[in-house]
PDB file of N, CA and C in Angstrom:
ATOM      1  N   MET A   1     -20.095 -15.130 -13.866  1.00  0.00           N
ATOM      2  CA  MET A   1     -19.087 -14.118 -13.639  1.00  0.00           C
ATOM      3  C   MET A   1     -19.762 -12.850 -13.113  1.00  0.00           C
ATOM      4  N   THR A   2     -19.193 -12.251 -12.089  1.00  0.00           N
ATOM      5  CA  THR A   2     -19.748 -11.044 -11.485  1.00  0.00           C
ATOM      6  C   THR A   2     -19.104  -9.816 -12.089  1.00  0.00           C
ATOM      7  N   MET A   3     -19.900  -8.875 -12.528  1.00  0.00           N
ATOM      8  CA  MET A   3     -19.389  -7.631 -13.094  1.00  0.00           C
ATOM      9  C   MET A   3     -19.352  -6.568 -12.004  1.00  0.00           C
ATOM     10  N   LEU A   4     -18.290  -5.807 -11.962  1.00  0.00           N
ATOM     11  CA  LEU A   4     -18.166  -4.735 -10.981  1.00  0.00           C
ATOM     12  C   LEU A   4     -18.965  -3.522 -11.427  1.00  0.00           C
ATOM     13  N   GLN A   5     -19.659  -2.916 -10.508  1.00  0.00           N
ATOM     14  CA  GLN A   5     -20.403  -1.700 -10.777  1.00  0.00           C
ATOM     15  C   GLN A   5     -19.553  -0.510 -10.351  1.00  0.00           C
ATOM     16  N   GLY A   6     -19.507   0.531 -11.137  1.00  0.00           N
ATOM     17  CA  GLY A   6     -18.739   1.717 -10.779  1.00  0.00           C
ATOM     18  C   GLY A   6     -17.280   1.562 -11.137  1.00  0.00           C
ATOM     19  N   SER A   7     -16.499   2.540 -10.711  1.00  0.00           N
ATOM     20  CA  SER A   7     -15.080   2.496 -11.024  1.00  0.00           C
ATOM     21  C   SER A   7     -14.259   2.528  -9.741  1.00  0.00           C
ATOM     22  N   PHE A   8     -12.999   2.214  -9.872  1.00  0.00           N
ATOM     23  CA  PHE A   8     -12.087   2.274  -8.744  1.00  0.00           C
ATOM     24  C   PHE A   8     -10.749   2.775  -9.248  1.00  0.00           C
ATOM     25  N   SER A   9      -9.888   3.109  -8.338  1.00  0.00           N
ATOM     26  CA  SER A   9      -8.590   3.663  -8.707  1.00  0.00           C
ATOM     27  C   SER A   9      -7.478   2.864  -8.054  1.00  0.00           C
ATOM     28  N   PHE A  10      -6.253   3.186  -8.405  1.00  0.00           N
ATOM     29  CA  PHE A  10      -5.111   2.530  -7.794  1.00  0.00           C
ATOM     30  C   PHE A  10      -5.126   2.729  -6.280  1.00  0.00           C
ATOM     31  N   GLU A  11      -5.548   3.900  -5.840  1.00  0.00           N
ATOM     32  CA  GLU A  11      -5.595   4.190  -4.408  1.00  0.00           C
ATOM     33  C   GLU A  11      -6.532   3.250  -3.662  1.00  0.00           C
ATOM     34  N   ASP A  12      -7.555   2.753  -4.348  1.00  0.00           N
ATOM     35  CA  ASP A  12      -8.467   1.790  -3.732  1.00  0.00           C
ATOM     36  C   ASP A  12      -7.772   0.456  -3.455  1.00  0.00           C
ATOM     37  N   LEU A  13      -6.697   0.178  -4.177  1.00  0.00           N
ATOM     38  CA  LEU A  13      -5.980  -1.086  -4.048  1.00  0.00           C
ATOM     39  C   LEU A  13      -4.658  -0.948  -3.308  1.00  0.00           C
ATOM     40  N   SER A  14      -4.293   0.267  -2.950  1.00  0.00           N
ATOM     41  CA  SER A  14      -2.968   0.476  -2.376  1.00  0.00           C
ATOM     42  C   SER A  14      -2.996   0.571  -0.858  1.00  0.00           C
ATOM     43  N   VAL A  15      -1.847   0.319  -0.274  1.00  0.00           N
ATOM     44  CA  VAL A  15      -1.639   0.435   1.162  1.00  0.00           C
ATOM     45  C   VAL A  15      -0.442   1.346   1.356  1.00  0.00           C
ATOM     46  N   ASP A  16      -0.593   2.374   2.174  1.00  0.00           N
ATOM     47  CA  ASP A  16       0.509   3.286   2.469  1.00  0.00           C
ATOM     48  C   ASP A  16       1.067   2.976   3.849  1.00  0.00           C
ATOM     49  N   PHE A  17       2.368   3.017   3.965  1.00  0.00           N
ATOM     50  CA  PHE A  17       3.041   2.831   5.244  1.00  0.00           C
ATOM     51  C   PHE A  17       3.794   4.094   5.614  1.00  0.00           C
ATOM     52  N   THR A  18       3.821   4.416   6.886  1.00  0.00           N
ATOM     53  CA  THR A  18       4.720   5.464   7.368  1.00  0.00           C
ATOM     54  C   THR A  18       6.095   4.813   7.527  1.00  0.00           C
ATOM     55  N   GLN A  19       7.108   5.623   7.787  1.00  0.00           N
ATOM     56  CA  GLN A  19       8.444   5.082   7.994  1.00  0.00           C
ATOM     57  C   GLN A  19       8.457   4.115   9.184  1.00  0.00           C
ATOM     58  N   LYS A  20       7.765   4.479  10.255  1.00  0.00           N
ATOM     59  CA  LYS A  20       7.707   3.615  11.445  1.00  0.00           C
ATOM     60  C   LYS A  20       7.049   2.272  11.119  1.00  0.00           C
ATOM     61  N   GLU A  21       5.956   2.311  10.383  1.00  0.00           N
ATOM     62  CA  GLU A  21       5.258   1.081  10.014  1.00  0.00           C
ATOM     63  C   GLU A  21       6.135   0.217   9.111  1.00  0.00           C
ATOM     64  N   TRP A  22       6.810   0.864   8.154  1.00  0.00           N
ATOM     65  CA  TRP A  22       7.674   0.148   7.211  1.00  0.00           C
ATOM     66  C   TRP A  22       8.789  -0.588   7.959  1.00  0.00           C
ATOM     67  N   GLN A  23       9.323   0.038   8.985  1.00  0.00           N
ATOM     68  CA  GLN A  23      10.411  -0.569   9.756  1.00  0.00           C
ATOM     69  C   GLN A  23       9.955  -1.803  10.526  1.00  0.00           C
ATOM     70  N   LEU A  24       8.668  -1.940  10.795  1.00  0.00           N
ATOM     71  CA  LEU A  24       8.142  -3.101  11.505  1.00  0.00           C
ATOM     72  C   LEU A  24       8.057  -4.348  10.621  1.00  0.00           C
ATOM     73  N   LEU A  25       8.135  -4.161   9.318  1.00  0.00           N
ATOM     74  CA  LEU A  25       8.002  -5.285   8.402  1.00  0.00           C
ATOM     75  C   LEU A  25       9.323  -6.034   8.240  1.00  0.00           C
ATOM     76  N   ALA A  26       9.219  -7.343   8.110  1.00  0.00           N
ATOM     77  CA  ALA A  26      10.387  -8.180   7.816  1.00  0.00           C
ATOM     78  C   ALA A  26      10.742  -8.004   6.342  1.00  0.00           C
ATOM     79  N   PRO A  27      11.986  -8.298   5.967  1.00  0.00           N
ATOM     80  CA  PRO A  27      12.384  -8.165   4.557  1.00  0.00           C
ATOM     81  C   PRO A  27      11.472  -8.916   3.588  1.00  0.00           C
ATOM     82  N   CYS A  28      11.030 -10.115   3.951  1.00  0.00           N
ATOM     83  CA  CYS A  28      10.145 -10.867   3.046  1.00  0.00           C
ATOM     84  C   CYS A  28       8.785 -10.181   2.905  1.00  0.00           C
ATOM     85  N   GLN A  29       8.320  -9.504   3.958  1.00  0.00           N
ATOM     86  CA  GLN A  29       7.052  -8.773   3.896  1.00  0.00           C
ATOM     87  C   GLN A  29       7.198  -7.546   2.994  1.00  0.00           C
ATOM     88  N   LYS A  30       8.333  -6.875   3.078  1.00  0.00           N
ATOM     89  CA  LYS A  30       8.594  -5.714   2.213  1.00  0.00           C
ATOM     90  C   LYS A  30       8.643  -6.155   0.753  1.00  0.00           C
ATOM     91  N   ASP A  31       9.293  -7.291   0.497  1.00  0.00           N
ATOM     92  CA  ASP A  31       9.362  -7.811  -0.864  1.00  0.00           C
ATOM     93  C   ASP A  31       7.974  -8.155  -1.396  1.00  0.00           C
ATOM     94  N   LEU A  32       7.161  -8.783  -0.548  1.00  0.00           N
ATOM     95  CA  LEU A  32       5.794  -9.117  -0.951  1.00  0.00           C
ATOM     96  C   LEU A  32       5.003  -7.855  -1.261  1.00  0.00           C
ATOM     97  N   TYR A  33       5.114  -6.848  -0.406  1.00  0.00           N
ATOM     98  CA  TYR A  33       4.422  -5.573  -0.628  1.00  0.00           C
ATOM     99  C   TYR A  33       4.825  -4.986  -1.982  1.00  0.00           C
ATOM    100  N   LYS A  34       6.125  -4.943  -2.246  1.00  0.00           N
ATOM    101  CA  LYS A  34       6.620  -4.390  -3.508  1.00  0.00           C
ATOM    102  C   LYS A  34       6.039  -5.155  -4.691  1.00  0.00           C
ATOM    103  N   ASP A  35       6.104  -6.484  -4.629  1.00  0.00           N
ATOM    104  CA  ASP A  35       5.588  -7.312  -5.726  1.00  0.00           C
ATOM    105  C   ASP A  35       4.099  -7.085  -5.959  1.00  0.00           C
ATOM    106  N   VAL A  36       3.319  -7.047  -4.880  1.00  0.00           N
ATOM    107  CA  VAL A  36       1.865  -6.892  -5.002  1.00  0.00           C
ATOM    108  C   VAL A  36       1.508  -5.505  -5.529  1.00  0.00           C
ATOM    109  N   MET A  37       2.158  -4.471  -5.015  1.00  0.00           N
ATOM    110  CA  MET A  37       1.848  -3.110  -5.474  1.00  0.00           C
ATOM    111  C   MET A  37       2.184  -2.939  -6.958  1.00  0.00           C
ATOM    112  N   LEU A  38       3.343  -3.426  -7.376  1.00  0.00           N
ATOM    113  CA  LEU A  38       3.726  -3.318  -8.787  1.00  0.00           C
ATOM    114  C   LEU A  38       2.808  -4.143  -9.678  1.00  0.00           C
ATOM    115  N   GLU A  39       2.418  -5.318  -9.207  1.00  0.00           N
ATOM    116  CA  GLU A  39       1.503  -6.148  -9.986  1.00  0.00           C
ATOM    117  C   GLU A  39       0.111  -5.518 -10.076  1.00  0.00           C
ATOM    118  N   ASN A  40      -0.375  -4.948  -8.969  1.00  0.00           N
ATOM    119  CA  ASN A  40      -1.676  -4.271  -9.003  1.00  0.00           C
ATOM    120  C   ASN A  40      -1.665  -3.136 -10.013  1.00  0.00           C
ATOM    121  N   TYR A  41      -0.612  -2.323  -9.992  1.00  0.00           N
ATOM    122  CA  TYR A  41      -0.538  -1.207 -10.931  1.00  0.00           C
ATOM    123  C   TYR A  41      -0.455  -1.719 -12.371  1.00  0.00           C
ATOM    124  N   SER A  42       0.365  -2.725 -12.597  1.00  0.00           N
ATOM    125  CA  SER A  42       0.495  -3.301 -13.935  1.00  0.00           C
ATOM    126  C   SER A  42      -0.842  -3.841 -14.442  1.00  0.00           C
ATOM    127  N   SER A  43      -1.590  -4.488 -13.558  1.00  0.00           N
ATOM    128  CA  SER A  43      -2.898  -5.024 -13.945  1.00  0.00           C
ATOM    129  C   SER A  43      -3.871  -3.904 -14.317  1.00  0.00           C
ATOM    130  N   LEU A  44      -3.863  -2.832 -13.532  1.00  0.00           N
ATOM    131  CA  LEU A  44      -4.746  -1.705 -13.847  1.00  0.00           C
ATOM    132  C   LEU A  44      -4.383  -1.074 -15.186  1.00  0.00           C
ATOM    133  N   VAL A  45      -3.092  -0.930 -15.445  1.00  0.00           N
ATOM    134  CA  VAL A  45      -2.642  -0.348 -16.723  1.00  0.00           C
ATOM    135  C   VAL A  45      -3.094  -1.236 -17.874  1.00  0.00           C
ATOM    136  N   SER A  46      -2.975  -2.548 -17.703  1.00  0.00           N
ATOM    137  CA  SER A  46      -3.382  -3.468 -18.774  1.00  0.00           C
ATOM    138  C   SER A  46      -4.886  -3.420 -19.029  1.00  0.00           C
ATOM    139  N   LEU A  47      -5.648  -2.930 -18.023  1.00  0.00           N
ATOM    140  CA  LEU A  47      -7.099  -2.795 -18.176  1.00  0.00           C
ATOM    141  C   LEU A  47      -7.510  -1.409 -18.669  1.00  0.00           C
ATOM    142  N   GLY A  48      -6.511  -0.566 -18.979  1.00  0.00           N
ATOM    143  CA  GLY A  48      -6.813   0.745 -19.520  1.00  0.00           C
ATOM    144  C   GLY A  48      -6.752   1.885 -18.520  1.00  0.00           C
ATOM    145  N   TYR A  49      -6.230   1.652 -17.332  1.00  0.00           N
ATOM    146  CA  TYR A  49      -6.078   2.692 -16.303  1.00  0.00           C
ATOM    147  C   TYR A  49      -5.078   3.721 -16.812  1.00  0.00           C
ATOM    148  N   GLU A  50      -5.548   4.948 -17.038  1.00  0.00           N
ATOM    149  CA  GLU A  50      -4.704   5.979 -17.624  1.00  0.00           C
ATOM    150  C   GLU A  50      -4.643   7.219 -16.750  1.00  0.00           C
ATOM    151  N   VAL A  51      -3.676   7.256 -15.853  1.00  0.00           N
ATOM    152  CA  VAL A  51      -3.401   8.440 -15.050  1.00  0.00           C
ATOM    153  C   VAL A  51      -1.900   8.508 -14.827  1.00  0.00           C
ATOM    154  N   MET A  52      -1.459   9.619 -14.247  1.00  0.00           N
ATOM    155  CA  MET A  52      -0.054   9.744 -13.926  1.00  0.00           C
ATOM    156  C   MET A  52       0.341   8.640 -12.947  1.00  0.00           C
ATOM    157  N   LYS A  53       1.537   8.087 -13.127  1.00  0.00           N
ATOM    158  CA  LYS A  53       2.009   6.996 -12.285  1.00  0.00           C
ATOM    159  C   LYS A  53       2.082   7.451 -10.826  1.00  0.00           C
ATOM    160  N   PRO A  54       1.469   6.696  -9.900  1.00  0.00           N
ATOM    161  CA  PRO A  54       1.500   7.063  -8.483  1.00  0.00           C
ATOM    162  C   PRO A  54       2.932   7.121  -7.934  1.00  0.00           C
ATOM    163  N   GLY A  55       3.133   8.001  -6.963  1.00  0.00           N
ATOM    164  CA  GLY A  55       4.450   8.175  -6.362  1.00  0.00           C
ATOM    165  C   GLY A  55       5.011   6.902  -5.771  1.00  0.00           C
ATOM    166  N   VAL A  56       4.160   6.085  -5.156  1.00  0.00           N
ATOM    167  CA  VAL A  56       4.646   4.841  -4.559  1.00  0.00           C
ATOM    168  C   VAL A  56       5.214   3.913  -5.626  1.00  0.00           C
ATOM    169  N   ILE A  57       4.626   3.899  -6.800  1.00  0.00           N
ATOM    170  CA  ILE A  57       5.122   3.050  -7.893  1.00  0.00           C
ATOM    171  C   ILE A  57       6.460   3.581  -8.394  1.00  0.00           C
ATOM    172  N   LEU A  58       6.568   4.895  -8.529  1.00  0.00           N
ATOM    173  CA  LEU A  58       7.849   5.485  -8.930  1.00  0.00           C
ATOM    174  C   LEU A  58       8.946   5.128  -7.939  1.00  0.00           C
ATOM    175  N   LYS A  59       8.639   5.221  -6.638  1.00  0.00           N
ATOM    176  CA  LYS A  59       9.629   4.876  -5.610  1.00  0.00           C
ATOM    177  C   LYS A  59      10.035   3.406  -5.723  1.00  0.00           C
ATOM    178  N   LEU A  60       9.057   2.526  -5.861  1.00  0.00           N
ATOM    179  CA  LEU A  60       9.351   1.100  -5.942  1.00  0.00           C
ATOM    180  C   LEU A  60      10.185   0.777  -7.179  1.00  0.00           C
ATOM    181  N   GLU A  61       9.858   1.397  -8.298  1.00  0.00           N
ATOM    182  CA  GLU A  61      10.612   1.150  -9.531  1.00  0.00           C
ATOM    183  C   GLU A  61      12.048   1.643  -9.437  1.00  0.00           C
ATOM    184  N   HIS A  62      12.302   2.634  -8.598  1.00  0.00           N
ATOM    185  CA  HIS A  62      13.655   3.175  -8.427  1.00  0.00           C
ATOM    186  C   HIS A  62      14.374   2.564  -7.223  1.00  0.00           C
ATOM    187  N   GLY A  63      13.788   1.549  -6.611  1.00  0.00           N
ATOM    188  CA  GLY A  63      14.413   0.868  -5.493  1.00  0.00           C
ATOM    189  C   GLY A  63      14.387   1.643  -4.188  1.00  0.00           C
ATOM    190  N   GLU A  64      13.521   2.663  -4.105  1.00  0.00           N
ATOM    191  CA  GLU A  64      13.411   3.461  -2.890  1.00  0.00           C
ATOM    192  C   GLU A  64      12.375   2.852  -1.955  1.00  0.00           C
ATOM    193  N   GLU A  65      12.500   3.174  -0.679  1.00  0.00           N
ATOM    194  CA  GLU A  65      11.504   2.714   0.281  1.00  0.00           C
ATOM    195  C   GLU A  65      10.220   3.518   0.082  1.00  0.00           C
ATOM    196  N   PRO A  66       9.074   2.845   0.065  1.00  0.00           N
ATOM    197  CA  PRO A  66       7.816   3.499  -0.309  1.00  0.00           C
ATOM    198  C   PRO A  66       7.048   4.184   0.807  1.00  0.00           C
ATOM    199  N   TRP A  67       7.613   4.289   1.990  1.00  0.00           N
ATOM    200  CA  TRP A  67       6.849   4.897   3.081  1.00  0.00           C
ATOM    201  C   TRP A  67       6.556   6.361   2.790  1.00  0.00           C
ATOM    202  N   THR A  68       5.491   6.842   3.423  1.00  0.00           N
ATOM    203  CA  THR A  68       5.028   8.205   3.182  1.00  0.00           C
ATOM    204  C   THR A  68       5.173   9.064   4.427  1.00  0.00           C
ATOM    205  N   GLY A  69       5.175  10.352   4.244  1.00  0.00           N
ATOM    206  CA  GLY A  69       5.145  11.293   5.357  1.00  0.00           C
ATOM    207  C   GLY A  69       6.431  11.354   6.146  1.00  0.00           C
ATOM    208  N   ASP A  70       6.298  11.889   7.355  1.00  0.00           N
ATOM    209  CA  ASP A  70       7.447  12.118   8.222  1.00  0.00           C
ATOM    210  C   ASP A  70       7.563  11.071   9.318  1.00  0.00           C
ATOM    211  N   GLY A  71       6.902   9.955   9.135  1.00  0.00           N
ATOM    212  CA  GLY A  71       6.940   8.911  10.146  1.00  0.00           C
ATOM    213  C   GLY A  71       5.710   8.918  11.026  1.00  0.00           C
ATOM    214  N   GLU A  72       4.924   9.983  10.975  1.00  0.00           N
ATOM    215  CA  GLU A  72       3.680  10.034  11.749  1.00  0.00           C
ATOM    216  C   GLU A  72       2.614   9.247  11.011  1.00  0.00           C
ATOM    217  N   ILE A  73       1.704   8.706  11.743  1.00  0.00           N
ATOM    218  CA  ILE A  73       0.648   7.908  11.160  1.00  0.00           C
ATOM    219  C   ILE A  73      -0.452   8.819  10.645  1.00  0.00           C
ATOM    220  N   PRO A  74      -0.809   8.695   9.365  1.00  0.00           N
ATOM    221  CA  PRO A  74      -1.836   9.560   8.796  1.00  0.00           C
ATOM    222  C   PRO A  74      -3.157   9.443   9.546  1.00  0.00           C
ATOM    223  N   GLY A  75      -3.752  10.579   9.879  1.00  0.00           N
ATOM    224  CA  GLY A  75      -5.065  10.600  10.497  1.00  0.00           C
ATOM    225  C   GLY A  75      -5.103  10.061  11.909  1.00  0.00           C
ATOM    226  N   SER A  76      -3.977  10.025  12.591  1.00  0.00           N
ATOM    227  CA  SER A  76      -3.948   9.472  13.941  1.00  0.00           C
ATOM    228  C   SER A  76      -3.129  10.349  14.855  1.00  0.00           C
ATOM    229  N   ASP A  77      -3.630  10.575  16.068  1.00  0.00           N
ATOM    230  CA  ASP A  77      -2.878  11.302  17.077  1.00  0.00           C
ATOM    231  C   ASP A  77      -2.084  10.336  17.946  1.00  0.00           C
ATOM    232  N   SER A  78      -2.296   9.056  17.745  1.00  0.00           N
ATOM    233  CA  SER A  78      -1.662   8.029  18.566  1.00  0.00           C
ATOM    234  C   SER A  78      -0.274   7.707  18.057  1.00  0.00           C
ATOM    235  N   SER A  79       0.607   7.292  18.942  1.00  0.00           N
ATOM    236  CA  SER A  79       1.931   6.860  18.521  1.00  0.00           C
ATOM    237  C   SER A  79       1.944   5.368  18.203  1.00  0.00           C
ATOM    238  N   ASP A  80       0.814   4.697  18.368  1.00  0.00           N
ATOM    239  CA  ASP A  80       0.713   3.280  18.041  1.00  0.00           C
ATOM    240  C   ASP A  80       0.699   3.117  16.530  1.00  0.00           C
ATOM    241  N   SER A  81       1.705   2.448  15.997  1.00  0.00           N
ATOM    242  CA  SER A  81       1.853   2.345  14.545  1.00  0.00           C
ATOM    243  C   SER A  81       0.852   1.398  13.902  1.00  0.00           C
ATOM    244  N   HIS A  82       0.015   0.756  14.659  1.00  0.00           N
ATOM    245  CA  HIS A  82      -0.930  -0.184  14.077  1.00  0.00           C
ATOM    246  C   HIS A  82      -2.340   0.383  14.001  1.00  0.00           C
ATOM    247  N   THR A  83      -2.500   1.693  14.049  1.00  0.00           N
ATOM    248  CA  THR A  83      -3.839   2.262  14.020  1.00  0.00           C
ATOM    249  C   THR A  83      -4.187   2.899  12.678  1.00  0.00           C
ATOM    250  N   ALA A  84      -3.245   3.004  11.763  1.00  0.00           N
ATOM    251  CA  ALA A  84      -3.514   3.611  10.467  1.00  0.00           C
ATOM    252  C   ALA A  84      -4.422   2.705   9.649  1.00  0.00           C
ATOM    253  N   THR A  85      -5.046   3.285   8.631  1.00  0.00           N
ATOM    254  CA  THR A  85      -5.896   2.487   7.756  1.00  0.00           C
ATOM    255  C   THR A  85      -5.441   2.628   6.323  1.00  0.00           C
ATOM    256  N   THR A  86      -5.788   1.655   5.502  1.00  0.00           N
ATOM    257  CA  THR A  86      -5.512   1.706   4.081  1.00  0.00           C
ATOM    258  C   THR A  86      -6.560   2.585   3.426  1.00  0.00           C
ATOM    259  N   HIS A  87      -6.369   2.822   2.138  1.00  0.00           N
ATOM    260  CA  HIS A  87      -7.350   3.608   1.397  1.00  0.00           C
ATOM    261  C   HIS A  87      -8.701   2.900   1.348  1.00  0.00           C
ATOM    262  N   ALA A  88      -8.685   1.594   1.447  1.00  0.00           N
ATOM    263  CA  ALA A  88      -9.925   0.827   1.389  1.00  0.00           C
ATOM    264  C   ALA A  88     -10.581   0.680   2.756  1.00  0.00           C
ATOM    265  N   GLY A  89      -9.982   1.272   3.801  1.00  0.00           N
ATOM    266  CA  GLY A  89     -10.588   1.247   5.121  1.00  0.00           C
ATOM    267  C   GLY A  89     -10.196   0.060   5.982  1.00  0.00           C
ATOM    268  N   VAL A  90      -9.235  -0.721   5.538  1.00  0.00           N
ATOM    269  CA  VAL A  90      -8.757  -1.851   6.326  1.00  0.00           C
ATOM    270  C   VAL A  90      -7.738  -1.325   7.320  1.00  0.00           C
ATOM    271  N   SER A  91      -7.804  -1.782   8.563  1.00  0.00           N
ATOM    272  CA  SER A  91      -6.859  -1.271   9.549  1.00  0.00           C
ATOM    273  C   SER A  91      -5.459  -1.777   9.247  1.00  0.00           C
ATOM    274  N   MET A  92      -4.470  -0.946   9.562  1.00  0.00           N
ATOM    275  CA  MET A  92      -3.092  -1.323   9.315  1.00  0.00           C
ATOM    276  C   MET A  92      -2.716  -2.554  10.124  1.00  0.00           C
ATOM    277  N   SER A  93      -3.320  -2.721  11.304  1.00  0.00           N
ATOM    278  CA  SER A  93      -3.014  -3.907  12.099  1.00  0.00           C
ATOM    279  C   SER A  93      -3.455  -5.171  11.361  1.00  0.00           C
ATOM    280  N   GLN A  94      -4.575  -5.100  10.632  1.00  0.00           N
ATOM    281  CA  GLN A  94      -5.016  -6.256   9.852  1.00  0.00           C
ATOM    282  C   GLN A  94      -4.022  -6.565   8.735  1.00  0.00           C
ATOM    283  N   VAL A  95      -3.537  -5.528   8.074  1.00  0.00           N
ATOM    284  CA  VAL A  95      -2.563  -5.727   7.000  1.00  0.00           C
ATOM    285  C   VAL A  95      -1.288  -6.342   7.555  1.00  0.00           C
ATOM    286  N   LEU A  96      -0.779  -5.782   8.668  1.00  0.00           N
ATOM    287  CA  LEU A  96       0.456  -6.299   9.249  1.00  0.00           C
ATOM    288  C   LEU A  96       0.290  -7.728   9.745  1.00  0.00           C
ATOM    289  N   GLU A  97      -0.846  -8.032  10.339  1.00  0.00           N
ATOM    290  CA  GLU A  97      -1.083  -9.409  10.806  1.00  0.00           C
ATOM    291  C   GLU A  97      -1.113 -10.381   9.640  1.00  0.00           C
ATOM    292  N   ASN A  98      -1.738  -9.984   8.539  1.00  0.00           N
ATOM    293  CA  ASN A  98      -1.767 -10.846   7.355  1.00  0.00           C
ATOM    294  C   ASN A  98      -0.367 -11.039   6.801  1.00  0.00           C
ATOM    295  N   LEU A  99       0.438  -9.984   6.772  1.00  0.00           N
ATOM    296  CA  LEU A  99       1.802 -10.096   6.274  1.00  0.00           C
ATOM    297  C   LEU A  99       2.668 -10.935   7.204  1.00  0.00           C
ATOM    298  N   ARG A 100       2.440 -10.846   8.495  1.00  0.00           N
ATOM    299  CA  ARG A 100       3.219 -11.623   9.459  1.00  0.00           C
ATOM    300  C   ARG A 100       2.950 -13.112   9.310  1.00  0.00           C
ATOM    301  N   GLY A 101       1.759 -13.464   8.826  1.00  0.00           N
ATOM    302  CA  GLY A 101       1.410 -14.870   8.672  1.00  0.00           C
ATOM    303  C   GLY A 101       2.064 -15.522   7.466  1.00  0.00           C
ATOM    304  N   ILE A 102       2.787 -14.737   6.686  1.00  0.00           N
ATOM    305  CA  ILE A 102       3.395 -15.268   5.464  1.00  0.00           C
ATOM    306  C   ILE A 102       4.767 -15.834   5.765  1.00  0.00           C
TER     307      ILE A 102
END
């Protein structure tokens, strides 16, 4: 069994979408995102993760759409919605391609 060195946070496991990016997802992809995000948070809590509940989790628990910002892609001057990155540094295009394959 491999032990992890150091610590990580919910943000290390989360993916943020802008409104434009969220609209590109199919309903089944949105459902998968919701399930995975809620399960990730639940798993961290069960392991002793003790911080204020992230805004995305609050939105998901209240049935709200979890996109962030004003529709602009964080950290990008481009209008291409597939150039954003996750907190872990994975490109949004990789995330969307993986979700499209489901």
